N, C-alpha and C. Protein backbone atom coordinates (compact mmCIF):
# COMPACT_ATOMS: atom_id res chain seq x y z
N UNK A 1 127.68 121.44 106.47
CA UNK A 1 127.52 122.68 105.73
C UNK A 1 126.10 122.80 105.23
N UNK A 2 125.68 124.04 104.90
CA UNK A 2 124.32 124.32 104.44
C UNK A 2 124.23 124.10 102.94
N UNK A 3 123.32 123.21 102.53
CA UNK A 3 123.16 122.89 101.11
C UNK A 3 121.90 123.56 100.59
N UNK A 4 122.06 124.59 99.75
CA UNK A 4 120.90 125.27 99.18
C UNK A 4 120.85 125.12 97.66
N UNK A 5 121.52 124.11 97.13
CA UNK A 5 121.48 123.85 95.70
C UNK A 5 120.39 122.83 95.39
N UNK A 6 119.86 122.93 94.17
CA UNK A 6 118.80 122.02 93.74
C UNK A 6 119.39 120.66 93.36
N UNK A 7 119.02 119.62 94.09
CA UNK A 7 119.42 118.25 93.77
C UNK A 7 118.23 117.50 93.19
N UNK A 8 118.51 116.35 92.57
CA UNK A 8 117.42 115.48 92.14
C UNK A 8 116.71 114.91 93.36
N UNK A 9 115.41 114.79 93.28
CA UNK A 9 114.64 114.16 94.35
C UNK A 9 114.79 112.64 94.24
N UNK A 10 114.41 111.94 95.30
CA UNK A 10 114.43 110.47 95.27
C UNK A 10 113.05 109.94 95.63
N UNK A 11 112.74 108.76 95.09
CA UNK A 11 111.41 108.17 95.30
C UNK A 11 111.54 106.65 95.33
N UNK A 12 110.78 106.02 96.21
CA UNK A 12 110.72 104.55 96.27
C UNK A 12 109.30 104.13 96.61
N UNK A 13 108.77 103.17 95.85
CA UNK A 13 107.43 102.65 96.10
C UNK A 13 107.47 101.71 97.30
N UNK A 14 106.48 101.84 98.21
CA UNK A 14 106.48 101.05 99.44
C UNK A 14 105.37 100.00 99.47
N UNK A 15 104.68 99.80 98.34
CA UNK A 15 103.63 98.77 98.29
C UNK A 15 103.95 97.82 97.17
N UNK A 16 103.34 96.64 97.21
CA UNK A 16 103.57 95.63 96.18
C UNK A 16 102.63 95.86 95.01
N UNK A 17 102.91 95.19 93.89
CA UNK A 17 102.07 95.30 92.70
C UNK A 17 100.66 94.80 92.98
N UNK A 18 100.52 93.77 93.85
CA UNK A 18 99.20 93.24 94.18
C UNK A 18 98.36 94.28 94.92
N UNK A 19 98.99 95.04 95.83
CA UNK A 19 98.26 96.06 96.59
C UNK A 19 97.83 97.22 95.71
N UNK A 20 98.47 97.40 94.57
CA UNK A 20 98.14 98.51 93.68
C UNK A 20 96.70 98.42 93.22
N UNK A 21 96.19 97.21 93.04
CA UNK A 21 94.82 97.02 92.57
C UNK A 21 93.79 97.44 93.61
N UNK A 22 94.21 97.56 94.88
CA UNK A 22 93.29 97.91 95.95
C UNK A 22 93.17 99.42 96.14
N UNK A 23 94.01 100.20 95.47
CA UNK A 23 93.98 101.65 95.63
C UNK A 23 92.79 102.26 94.89
N UNK A 24 92.32 103.43 95.33
CA UNK A 24 91.31 104.16 94.57
C UNK A 24 91.84 104.47 93.17
N UNK A 25 90.95 104.58 92.17
CA UNK A 25 91.39 104.76 90.77
C UNK A 25 92.36 105.92 90.56
N UNK A 26 92.11 107.07 91.19
CA UNK A 26 92.97 108.24 90.97
C UNK A 26 94.38 107.99 91.49
N UNK A 27 94.48 107.40 92.68
CA UNK A 27 95.80 107.10 93.24
C UNK A 27 96.50 106.01 92.44
N UNK A 28 95.75 104.98 92.05
CA UNK A 28 96.33 103.87 91.28
C UNK A 28 96.88 104.38 89.95
N UNK A 29 96.14 105.29 89.29
CA UNK A 29 96.59 105.83 88.01
C UNK A 29 97.91 106.59 88.18
N UNK A 30 98.02 107.40 89.23
CA UNK A 30 99.23 108.19 89.42
C UNK A 30 100.42 107.31 89.79
N UNK A 31 100.19 106.27 90.61
CA UNK A 31 101.28 105.34 90.94
C UNK A 31 101.74 104.61 89.69
N UNK A 32 100.79 104.18 88.84
CA UNK A 32 101.16 103.50 87.59
C UNK A 32 101.95 104.45 86.69
N UNK A 33 101.57 105.73 86.67
CA UNK A 33 102.30 106.72 85.89
C UNK A 33 103.74 106.84 86.39
N UNK A 34 103.92 106.86 87.72
CA UNK A 34 105.27 106.92 88.29
C UNK A 34 106.07 105.67 87.92
N UNK A 35 105.44 104.50 87.98
CA UNK A 35 106.14 103.25 87.65
C UNK A 35 106.60 103.23 86.20
N UNK A 36 105.76 103.78 85.30
CA UNK A 36 106.12 103.79 83.88
C UNK A 36 107.25 104.77 83.58
N UNK A 37 107.32 105.84 84.34
CA UNK A 37 108.25 106.92 83.99
C UNK A 37 109.49 107.01 84.88
N UNK A 38 109.51 106.28 86.00
CA UNK A 38 110.70 106.28 86.86
C UNK A 38 111.09 104.82 87.07
N UNK A 39 112.02 104.35 86.28
CA UNK A 39 112.40 102.94 86.31
C UNK A 39 113.07 102.57 87.62
N UNK A 40 112.61 101.48 88.24
CA UNK A 40 113.28 100.94 89.41
C UNK A 40 112.68 101.29 90.75
N UNK A 41 111.67 102.19 90.79
CA UNK A 41 111.16 102.63 92.09
C UNK A 41 110.44 101.51 92.84
N UNK A 42 110.08 100.44 92.16
CA UNK A 42 109.40 99.34 92.84
C UNK A 42 110.35 98.55 93.73
N UNK A 43 111.67 98.70 93.51
CA UNK A 43 112.64 97.88 94.26
C UNK A 43 113.64 98.70 95.07
N UNK A 44 113.88 99.97 94.71
CA UNK A 44 114.88 100.75 95.44
C UNK A 44 114.66 102.25 95.20
N UNK A 45 115.38 103.07 95.97
CA UNK A 45 115.27 104.51 95.80
C UNK A 45 115.88 104.93 94.47
N UNK A 46 115.18 105.82 93.77
CA UNK A 46 115.63 106.26 92.44
C UNK A 46 115.58 107.79 92.39
N UNK A 47 116.62 108.39 91.84
CA UNK A 47 116.64 109.84 91.64
C UNK A 47 115.80 110.19 90.42
N UNK A 48 115.08 111.30 90.50
CA UNK A 48 114.23 111.69 89.37
C UNK A 48 114.01 113.20 89.40
N UNK A 49 113.42 113.71 88.32
CA UNK A 49 113.16 115.14 88.19
C UNK A 49 111.66 115.40 88.14
N UNK A 50 111.16 116.22 89.06
CA UNK A 50 109.75 116.59 89.02
C UNK A 50 109.40 117.35 87.75
N UNK A 51 110.38 118.13 87.22
CA UNK A 51 110.13 118.88 85.99
C UNK A 51 109.79 117.95 84.84
N UNK A 52 110.49 116.82 84.75
CA UNK A 52 110.22 115.85 83.68
C UNK A 52 108.79 115.30 83.79
N UNK A 53 108.38 114.94 85.01
CA UNK A 53 107.02 114.43 85.21
C UNK A 53 105.99 115.51 84.92
N UNK A 54 106.32 116.75 85.29
CA UNK A 54 105.41 117.87 85.04
C UNK A 54 105.14 118.04 83.55
N UNK A 55 106.20 117.94 82.74
CA UNK A 55 106.02 118.08 81.28
C UNK A 55 105.18 116.95 80.72
N UNK A 56 105.36 115.74 81.21
CA UNK A 56 104.64 114.59 80.68
C UNK A 56 103.15 114.63 81.03
N UNK A 57 102.83 115.08 82.27
CA UNK A 57 101.43 115.13 82.68
C UNK A 57 100.75 116.44 82.32
N UNK A 58 101.56 117.46 82.00
CA UNK A 58 100.98 118.75 81.66
C UNK A 58 100.43 119.50 82.85
N UNK A 59 101.01 119.29 84.03
CA UNK A 59 100.61 120.02 85.23
C UNK A 59 101.85 120.63 85.86
N UNK A 60 101.64 121.48 86.87
CA UNK A 60 102.77 122.19 87.48
C UNK A 60 103.64 121.27 88.33
N UNK A 61 104.89 121.70 88.53
CA UNK A 61 105.80 120.96 89.40
C UNK A 61 105.24 120.88 90.82
N UNK A 62 104.63 121.98 91.26
CA UNK A 62 104.06 121.99 92.61
C UNK A 62 102.98 120.94 92.77
N UNK A 63 102.15 120.77 91.73
CA UNK A 63 101.09 119.76 91.80
C UNK A 63 101.67 118.35 91.81
N UNK A 64 102.76 118.15 91.04
CA UNK A 64 103.45 116.85 91.08
C UNK A 64 103.94 116.57 92.50
N UNK A 65 104.58 117.56 93.11
CA UNK A 65 105.10 117.39 94.47
C UNK A 65 103.97 117.15 95.47
N UNK A 66 102.86 117.88 95.31
CA UNK A 66 101.73 117.70 96.21
C UNK A 66 101.17 116.29 96.13
N UNK A 67 101.06 115.77 94.89
CA UNK A 67 100.52 114.42 94.71
C UNK A 67 101.44 113.36 95.33
N UNK A 68 102.75 113.54 95.12
CA UNK A 68 103.70 112.57 95.69
C UNK A 68 103.70 112.66 97.21
N UNK A 69 103.64 113.88 97.75
CA UNK A 69 103.61 114.04 99.21
C UNK A 69 102.34 113.43 99.80
N UNK A 70 101.24 113.50 99.04
CA UNK A 70 99.99 112.88 99.49
C UNK A 70 100.17 111.36 99.58
N UNK A 71 100.84 110.77 98.57
CA UNK A 71 101.12 109.33 98.60
C UNK A 71 102.04 108.98 99.77
N UNK A 72 102.98 109.89 100.07
CA UNK A 72 103.90 109.64 101.19
C UNK A 72 103.16 109.67 102.52
N UNK A 73 102.20 110.59 102.65
CA UNK A 73 101.41 110.66 103.88
C UNK A 73 100.61 109.38 104.12
N UNK A 74 100.24 108.71 103.02
CA UNK A 74 99.50 107.45 103.13
C UNK A 74 100.43 106.25 103.17
N UNK A 75 101.76 106.54 103.28
CA UNK A 75 102.80 105.50 103.39
C UNK A 75 102.83 104.58 102.17
N UNK A 76 102.53 105.15 101.00
CA UNK A 76 102.60 104.39 99.76
C UNK A 76 103.96 104.54 99.09
N UNK A 77 104.65 105.67 99.37
CA UNK A 77 105.97 105.91 98.79
C UNK A 77 106.87 106.53 99.85
N UNK A 78 108.18 106.49 99.59
CA UNK A 78 109.16 107.23 100.40
C UNK A 78 109.77 108.29 99.49
N UNK A 79 109.62 109.56 99.85
CA UNK A 79 109.96 110.67 98.97
C UNK A 79 110.89 111.64 99.68
N UNK A 80 111.96 112.05 98.98
CA UNK A 80 112.87 113.09 99.46
C UNK A 80 112.90 114.19 98.41
N UNK A 81 112.46 115.38 98.79
CA UNK A 81 112.40 116.51 97.88
C UNK A 81 113.79 117.11 97.69
N UNK A 82 114.32 117.04 96.48
CA UNK A 82 115.66 117.55 96.21
C UNK A 82 115.76 119.06 96.24
N UNK A 83 114.61 119.76 96.16
CA UNK A 83 114.65 121.22 96.16
C UNK A 83 114.69 121.80 97.57
N UNK A 84 114.48 120.96 98.57
CA UNK A 84 114.46 121.47 99.95
C UNK A 84 115.87 121.75 100.44
N UNK A 85 116.02 122.86 101.17
CA UNK A 85 117.31 123.17 101.80
C UNK A 85 117.62 122.11 102.84
N UNK A 86 118.88 121.85 103.06
CA UNK A 86 119.26 120.82 104.03
C UNK A 86 120.60 121.14 104.65
N UNK A 87 120.86 120.49 105.77
CA UNK A 87 122.16 120.58 106.42
C UNK A 87 122.84 119.24 106.30
N UNK A 88 124.05 119.22 105.77
CA UNK A 88 124.82 117.99 105.66
C UNK A 88 125.98 118.04 106.63
N UNK A 89 126.13 117.00 107.41
CA UNK A 89 127.19 116.92 108.40
C UNK A 89 128.35 116.11 107.83
N UNK A 90 129.53 116.71 107.86
CA UNK A 90 130.73 116.03 107.39
C UNK A 90 131.37 115.30 108.55
N UNK A 91 131.63 114.01 108.38
CA UNK A 91 132.25 113.23 109.44
C UNK A 91 133.08 112.12 108.81
N UNK A 92 134.06 111.60 109.54
CA UNK A 92 134.87 110.50 109.00
C UNK A 92 133.99 109.29 108.69
N UNK A 93 134.40 108.56 107.67
CA UNK A 93 133.63 107.40 107.26
C UNK A 93 133.74 106.29 108.31
N UNK A 94 132.60 105.75 108.67
CA UNK A 94 132.55 104.59 109.57
C UNK A 94 132.59 103.34 108.69
N UNK A 95 133.76 102.66 108.67
CA UNK A 95 133.94 101.53 107.75
C UNK A 95 132.92 100.43 108.00
N UNK A 96 132.66 100.12 109.28
CA UNK A 96 131.71 99.05 109.58
C UNK A 96 130.31 99.41 109.09
N UNK A 97 129.91 100.66 109.35
CA UNK A 97 128.61 101.11 108.89
C UNK A 97 128.55 101.14 107.37
N UNK A 98 129.65 101.58 106.74
CA UNK A 98 129.73 101.65 105.28
C UNK A 98 129.55 100.27 104.66
N UNK A 99 130.28 99.28 105.21
CA UNK A 99 130.19 97.93 104.68
C UNK A 99 128.81 97.33 104.89
N UNK A 100 128.22 97.58 106.05
CA UNK A 100 126.89 97.04 106.32
C UNK A 100 125.85 97.60 105.38
N UNK A 101 125.93 98.92 105.13
CA UNK A 101 124.97 99.57 104.25
C UNK A 101 125.04 98.99 102.85
N UNK A 102 126.24 98.91 102.29
CA UNK A 102 126.36 98.45 100.91
C UNK A 102 126.18 96.94 100.79
N UNK A 103 126.46 96.21 101.85
CA UNK A 103 126.19 94.77 101.82
C UNK A 103 124.68 94.53 101.74
N UNK A 104 123.91 95.31 102.50
CA UNK A 104 122.45 95.17 102.44
C UNK A 104 121.92 95.53 101.05
N UNK A 105 122.49 96.58 100.46
CA UNK A 105 122.07 96.95 99.11
C UNK A 105 122.43 95.86 98.10
N UNK A 106 123.62 95.27 98.28
CA UNK A 106 124.04 94.18 97.39
C UNK A 106 123.08 93.00 97.50
N UNK A 107 122.69 92.66 98.74
CA UNK A 107 121.75 91.56 98.93
C UNK A 107 120.41 91.85 98.26
N UNK A 108 119.96 93.10 98.35
CA UNK A 108 118.69 93.47 97.72
C UNK A 108 118.79 93.35 96.21
N UNK A 109 119.93 93.77 95.65
CA UNK A 109 120.14 93.64 94.20
C UNK A 109 120.10 92.18 93.78
N UNK A 110 120.73 91.31 94.58
CA UNK A 110 120.73 89.88 94.27
C UNK A 110 119.32 89.30 94.34
N UNK A 111 118.54 89.74 95.33
CA UNK A 111 117.16 89.26 95.43
C UNK A 111 116.34 89.72 94.23
N UNK A 112 116.58 90.94 93.78
CA UNK A 112 115.87 91.45 92.60
C UNK A 112 116.23 90.64 91.36
N UNK A 113 117.52 90.30 91.23
CA UNK A 113 117.95 89.50 90.09
C UNK A 113 117.30 88.12 90.11
N UNK A 114 117.21 87.52 91.30
CA UNK A 114 116.58 86.20 91.43
C UNK A 114 115.10 86.27 91.06
N UNK A 115 114.44 87.34 91.51
CA UNK A 115 113.03 87.50 91.17
C UNK A 115 112.83 87.64 89.66
N UNK A 116 113.69 88.43 89.02
CA UNK A 116 113.59 88.61 87.57
C UNK A 116 113.86 87.30 86.84
N UNK A 117 114.79 86.49 87.37
CA UNK A 117 115.07 85.20 86.76
C UNK A 117 113.86 84.28 86.85
N UNK A 118 113.19 84.28 88.01
CA UNK A 118 111.99 83.46 88.17
C UNK A 118 110.89 83.93 87.22
N UNK A 119 110.76 85.25 87.06
CA UNK A 119 109.77 85.78 86.13
C UNK A 119 110.10 85.38 84.69
N UNK A 120 111.38 85.38 84.34
CA UNK A 120 111.79 84.99 83.00
C UNK A 120 111.50 83.51 82.76
N UNK A 121 111.76 82.66 83.77
CA UNK A 121 111.47 81.23 83.62
C UNK A 121 109.98 81.01 83.40
N UNK A 122 109.15 81.74 84.15
CA UNK A 122 107.70 81.61 83.98
C UNK A 122 107.28 82.02 82.57
N UNK A 123 107.87 83.12 82.10
CA UNK A 123 107.55 83.61 80.75
C UNK A 123 107.89 82.56 79.69
N UNK A 124 109.04 81.91 79.84
CA UNK A 124 109.48 80.92 78.85
C UNK A 124 108.61 79.67 78.90
N UNK A 125 108.26 79.22 80.10
CA UNK A 125 107.55 77.95 80.25
C UNK A 125 106.04 78.07 80.03
N UNK A 126 105.48 79.26 80.21
CA UNK A 126 104.04 79.45 80.07
C UNK A 126 103.61 79.26 78.62
N UNK A 127 102.62 78.41 78.39
CA UNK A 127 102.19 78.11 77.01
C UNK A 127 100.71 78.40 76.78
N UNK A 128 100.03 79.02 77.75
CA UNK A 128 98.60 79.28 77.61
C UNK A 128 98.27 80.72 77.27
N UNK A 129 99.22 81.63 77.42
CA UNK A 129 98.94 83.05 77.22
C UNK A 129 99.85 83.64 76.15
N UNK A 130 99.30 84.58 75.39
CA UNK A 130 100.05 85.28 74.34
C UNK A 130 101.32 85.91 74.92
N UNK A 131 102.45 85.67 74.26
CA UNK A 131 103.73 86.18 74.76
C UNK A 131 103.78 87.71 74.74
N UNK A 132 103.30 88.31 73.67
CA UNK A 132 103.32 89.77 73.60
C UNK A 132 102.42 90.38 74.66
N UNK A 133 101.27 89.76 74.90
CA UNK A 133 100.37 90.26 75.93
C UNK A 133 101.02 90.18 77.31
N UNK A 134 101.76 89.09 77.57
CA UNK A 134 102.46 88.95 78.85
C UNK A 134 103.50 90.05 79.02
N UNK A 135 104.24 90.36 77.94
CA UNK A 135 105.27 91.40 78.01
C UNK A 135 104.65 92.76 78.29
N UNK A 136 103.58 93.09 77.55
CA UNK A 136 102.93 94.40 77.73
C UNK A 136 102.34 94.53 79.13
N UNK A 137 101.74 93.45 79.62
CA UNK A 137 101.16 93.47 80.97
C UNK A 137 102.25 93.65 82.02
N UNK A 138 103.40 93.00 81.83
CA UNK A 138 104.52 93.11 82.77
C UNK A 138 104.98 94.56 82.90
N UNK A 139 104.96 95.29 81.78
CA UNK A 139 105.40 96.69 81.80
C UNK A 139 104.26 97.66 82.06
N UNK A 140 103.13 97.15 82.56
CA UNK A 140 102.07 98.03 83.02
C UNK A 140 101.03 98.41 82.00
N UNK A 141 101.04 97.79 80.83
CA UNK A 141 100.07 98.13 79.79
C UNK A 141 98.69 97.62 80.19
N UNK A 142 97.70 98.50 80.11
CA UNK A 142 96.33 98.12 80.42
C UNK A 142 95.64 97.60 79.17
N UNK A 143 94.76 96.60 79.34
CA UNK A 143 93.95 96.05 78.24
C UNK A 143 94.80 95.58 77.07
N UNK A 144 95.92 94.94 77.36
CA UNK A 144 96.76 94.38 76.30
C UNK A 144 96.01 93.28 75.56
N UNK A 145 96.17 93.22 74.24
CA UNK A 145 95.47 92.25 73.41
C UNK A 145 96.43 91.19 72.90
N UNK A 146 95.88 90.03 72.52
CA UNK A 146 96.69 88.98 71.91
C UNK A 146 97.28 89.48 70.59
N UNK A 147 98.51 89.05 70.28
CA UNK A 147 99.18 89.52 69.06
C UNK A 147 98.81 88.69 67.84
N UNK A 148 98.37 87.44 68.05
CA UNK A 148 98.02 86.50 66.97
C UNK A 148 99.21 86.20 66.06
N UNK A 149 100.41 86.40 66.56
CA UNK A 149 101.61 86.13 65.76
C UNK A 149 102.58 85.17 66.47
N UNK A 150 102.57 85.15 67.79
CA UNK A 150 103.50 84.28 68.51
C UNK A 150 103.05 82.83 68.42
N UNK A 151 103.90 81.90 68.87
CA UNK A 151 103.59 80.48 68.73
C UNK A 151 102.40 80.06 69.59
N UNK A 152 102.07 80.85 70.62
CA UNK A 152 100.88 80.55 71.42
C UNK A 152 99.62 80.94 70.66
N UNK A 153 99.67 82.07 69.96
CA UNK A 153 98.50 82.58 69.26
C UNK A 153 98.24 81.89 67.92
N UNK A 154 99.26 81.33 67.31
CA UNK A 154 99.10 80.79 65.96
C UNK A 154 98.01 79.73 65.85
N UNK A 155 97.90 78.75 66.79
CA UNK A 155 96.79 77.79 66.68
C UNK A 155 95.43 78.47 66.74
N UNK A 156 95.28 79.50 67.61
CA UNK A 156 94.04 80.25 67.70
C UNK A 156 93.76 80.97 66.39
N UNK A 157 94.81 81.54 65.81
CA UNK A 157 94.67 82.25 64.54
C UNK A 157 94.22 81.30 63.45
N UNK A 158 94.74 80.06 63.48
CA UNK A 158 94.37 79.05 62.49
C UNK A 158 92.88 78.73 62.58
N UNK A 159 92.36 78.62 63.82
CA UNK A 159 90.94 78.34 64.02
C UNK A 159 90.08 79.48 63.48
N UNK A 160 90.52 80.71 63.70
CA UNK A 160 89.77 81.86 63.19
C UNK A 160 89.76 81.88 61.67
N UNK A 161 90.87 81.49 61.05
CA UNK A 161 90.93 81.42 59.59
C UNK A 161 89.95 80.39 59.06
N UNK A 162 89.84 79.24 59.73
CA UNK A 162 88.91 78.20 59.31
C UNK A 162 87.48 78.70 59.43
N UNK A 163 87.17 79.42 60.50
CA UNK A 163 85.83 79.99 60.66
C UNK A 163 85.50 80.92 59.50
N UNK A 164 86.46 81.75 59.12
CA UNK A 164 86.24 82.69 58.02
C UNK A 164 86.02 81.94 56.70
N UNK A 165 86.78 80.88 56.48
CA UNK A 165 86.62 80.10 55.25
C UNK A 165 85.24 79.45 55.19
N UNK A 166 84.79 78.89 56.31
CA UNK A 166 83.47 78.25 56.33
C UNK A 166 82.37 79.28 56.09
N UNK A 167 82.47 80.44 56.72
CA UNK A 167 81.47 81.49 56.52
C UNK A 167 81.42 81.94 55.07
N UNK A 168 82.59 82.09 54.45
CA UNK A 168 82.62 82.49 53.04
C UNK A 168 81.95 81.44 52.16
N UNK A 169 82.21 80.16 52.45
CA UNK A 169 81.60 79.09 51.65
C UNK A 169 80.09 79.06 51.82
N UNK A 170 79.61 79.24 53.05
CA UNK A 170 78.16 79.21 53.31
C UNK A 170 77.47 80.46 52.81
N UNK A 171 78.20 81.54 52.65
CA UNK A 171 77.61 82.75 52.07
C UNK A 171 77.25 82.54 50.61
N UNK A 172 77.97 81.65 49.94
CA UNK A 172 77.68 81.36 48.53
C UNK A 172 76.40 80.55 48.40
N UNK A 173 76.26 79.51 49.26
CA UNK A 173 75.05 78.68 49.24
C UNK A 173 75.08 77.76 50.46
N UNK A 174 73.91 77.25 50.89
CA UNK A 174 73.86 76.29 51.99
C UNK A 174 74.62 75.02 51.63
N UNK A 175 75.28 74.42 52.64
CA UNK A 175 76.09 73.23 52.41
C UNK A 175 75.91 72.25 53.56
N UNK A 176 76.05 70.97 53.24
CA UNK A 176 76.10 69.94 54.28
C UNK A 176 77.52 69.87 54.84
N UNK A 177 77.68 69.07 55.88
CA UNK A 177 79.01 68.90 56.48
C UNK A 177 80.01 68.39 55.44
N UNK A 178 79.62 67.35 54.70
CA UNK A 178 80.53 66.78 53.70
C UNK A 178 80.82 67.76 52.58
N UNK A 179 79.83 68.58 52.23
CA UNK A 179 80.04 69.58 51.17
C UNK A 179 81.00 70.68 51.64
N UNK A 180 80.88 71.06 52.91
CA UNK A 180 81.82 72.04 53.47
C UNK A 180 83.24 71.49 53.42
N UNK A 181 83.35 70.25 53.83
CA UNK A 181 84.67 69.60 53.84
C UNK A 181 85.27 69.51 52.45
N UNK A 182 84.44 69.15 51.46
CA UNK A 182 84.92 69.05 50.08
C UNK A 182 85.23 70.42 49.50
N UNK A 183 84.40 71.41 49.84
CA UNK A 183 84.59 72.77 49.33
C UNK A 183 85.93 73.35 49.78
N UNK A 184 86.27 73.09 51.05
CA UNK A 184 87.52 73.64 51.60
C UNK A 184 88.70 72.71 51.39
N UNK A 185 88.42 71.53 50.84
CA UNK A 185 89.47 70.54 50.56
C UNK A 185 90.27 70.22 51.83
N UNK A 186 89.51 69.94 52.91
CA UNK A 186 90.13 69.63 54.20
C UNK A 186 89.82 68.20 54.60
N UNK A 187 90.74 67.59 55.33
CA UNK A 187 90.55 66.20 55.74
C UNK A 187 90.18 66.08 57.22
N UNK A 188 90.43 67.12 58.01
CA UNK A 188 90.20 67.03 59.46
C UNK A 188 88.74 67.19 59.82
N UNK A 189 88.02 66.07 59.98
CA UNK A 189 86.59 66.11 60.30
C UNK A 189 86.33 66.78 61.65
N UNK A 190 87.13 66.42 62.65
CA UNK A 190 86.90 66.92 64.01
C UNK A 190 87.05 68.43 64.08
N UNK A 191 88.08 68.97 63.43
CA UNK A 191 88.30 70.42 63.46
C UNK A 191 87.16 71.16 62.78
N UNK A 192 86.68 70.62 61.63
CA UNK A 192 85.57 71.26 60.92
C UNK A 192 84.31 71.21 61.78
N UNK A 193 84.05 70.05 62.38
CA UNK A 193 82.85 69.90 63.21
C UNK A 193 82.88 70.87 64.39
N UNK A 194 84.02 70.96 65.08
CA UNK A 194 84.13 71.86 66.23
C UNK A 194 83.94 73.32 65.81
N UNK A 195 84.44 73.67 64.64
CA UNK A 195 84.29 75.05 64.16
C UNK A 195 82.84 75.34 63.81
N UNK A 196 82.13 74.38 63.20
CA UNK A 196 80.71 74.55 62.89
C UNK A 196 79.90 74.71 64.17
N UNK A 197 80.19 73.90 65.17
CA UNK A 197 79.48 74.02 66.46
C UNK A 197 79.73 75.38 67.08
N UNK A 198 80.98 75.85 67.01
CA UNK A 198 81.32 77.17 67.55
C UNK A 198 80.56 78.28 66.84
N UNK A 199 80.47 78.18 65.52
CA UNK A 199 79.74 79.20 64.74
C UNK A 199 78.25 79.16 65.04
N UNK A 200 77.71 77.96 65.27
CA UNK A 200 76.30 77.85 65.67
C UNK A 200 76.07 78.50 67.03
N UNK A 201 76.97 78.25 67.96
CA UNK A 201 76.84 78.84 69.30
C UNK A 201 76.96 80.35 69.28
N UNK A 202 77.74 80.86 68.32
CA UNK A 202 77.92 82.31 68.19
C UNK A 202 76.82 82.94 67.34
N UNK A 203 75.86 82.10 66.87
CA UNK A 203 74.73 82.56 66.05
C UNK A 203 75.18 83.20 64.74
N UNK A 204 76.32 82.75 64.24
CA UNK A 204 76.78 83.23 62.94
C UNK A 204 76.25 82.38 61.79
N UNK A 205 75.89 81.11 62.10
CA UNK A 205 75.27 80.24 61.11
C UNK A 205 74.07 79.55 61.76
N UNK A 206 73.25 78.90 60.92
CA UNK A 206 72.09 78.14 61.41
C UNK A 206 71.92 76.91 60.53
N UNK A 207 71.00 76.03 60.92
CA UNK A 207 70.75 74.81 60.16
C UNK A 207 69.40 74.93 59.47
N UNK A 208 69.41 74.64 58.15
CA UNK A 208 68.16 74.65 57.39
C UNK A 208 67.35 73.38 57.68
N UNK A 209 68.06 72.29 57.85
CA UNK A 209 67.45 71.03 58.25
C UNK A 209 68.45 70.30 59.13
N UNK A 210 68.28 69.02 59.31
CA UNK A 210 69.13 68.30 60.26
C UNK A 210 70.57 68.15 59.79
N UNK A 211 70.88 68.49 58.53
CA UNK A 211 72.26 68.30 58.06
C UNK A 211 72.80 69.44 57.19
N UNK A 212 72.00 70.46 56.90
CA UNK A 212 72.42 71.53 55.99
C UNK A 212 72.65 72.83 56.78
N UNK A 213 73.80 73.44 56.55
CA UNK A 213 74.18 74.69 57.24
C UNK A 213 74.07 75.87 56.29
N UNK A 214 73.74 77.04 56.86
CA UNK A 214 73.74 78.28 56.10
C UNK A 214 74.03 79.43 57.06
N UNK A 215 74.33 80.60 56.52
CA UNK A 215 74.59 81.75 57.38
C UNK A 215 73.27 82.35 57.84
N UNK A 216 73.30 83.10 58.92
CA UNK A 216 72.08 83.74 59.43
C UNK A 216 71.60 84.86 58.53
N UNK A 217 72.46 85.30 57.62
CA UNK A 217 72.08 86.39 56.72
C UNK A 217 71.24 85.90 55.56
N UNK A 218 71.25 84.60 55.30
CA UNK A 218 70.49 84.05 54.18
C UNK A 218 69.07 83.69 54.61
C-alpha cells in the first residue's frame, strides 16, 4: 500500500569514534551534535525527529535534512527520511528470515553490552585520570577539566594547598627551608622540598641567598 503519512526518520552512524577526529571541523561538529542529541546512533539505527534537531540548532528542518544527506553521501551515516512517500509491500512473514534478522540484532546488542562492560572496568581500574573528566569525555564533552574532588584528584589538590600555604608564608617575609617547615607545622621534608622546587620552576618564588626563599613580588 502507499504510505503518505509522516513517520520518524532513522539514523545510524557508520564511522568509529576514532575516525571522528579525522573529519573536517564543520562535519565533526555536526556529527558530535547528532551523537549528543540522538542516543544510540553509534551502535544501531535510531528513530528521531528533524523538528527537534531544528529547534536545538535554530535552523530549518530542510537544512537539517540537507546536512544529514550530505553526511550520507560521504558514507558517514545511514539515513532514512521519514517524510518521504513510500510503498510498503504486505507479504506473509518468513519465519527463517525473521529469526535471522532478530538473532543478528540480539548478537549486536550483546556485543554492545560487552563493550560497555569493558569500558566500565577500565573506568573503575584507571587511577591516573580524574573520574569526572573521564565521564564528561565519554559523553562527548570538549575541554573537560579535573574536578579536584574525586579520589584521583585529592592528592593533586593537597599539593596545590601546600603551594598556597608556602606562598602565603613567604609573602609575610623571606624564610629558610626550616623556617617554612616550622611556620606550617609540617613534618614531611620531602613534600615541602618538592613543592619549593616546583614553585621555583614556576617562577612564583626565588632565592635571596643559598638557603632563603621569598616570593617574586618582594
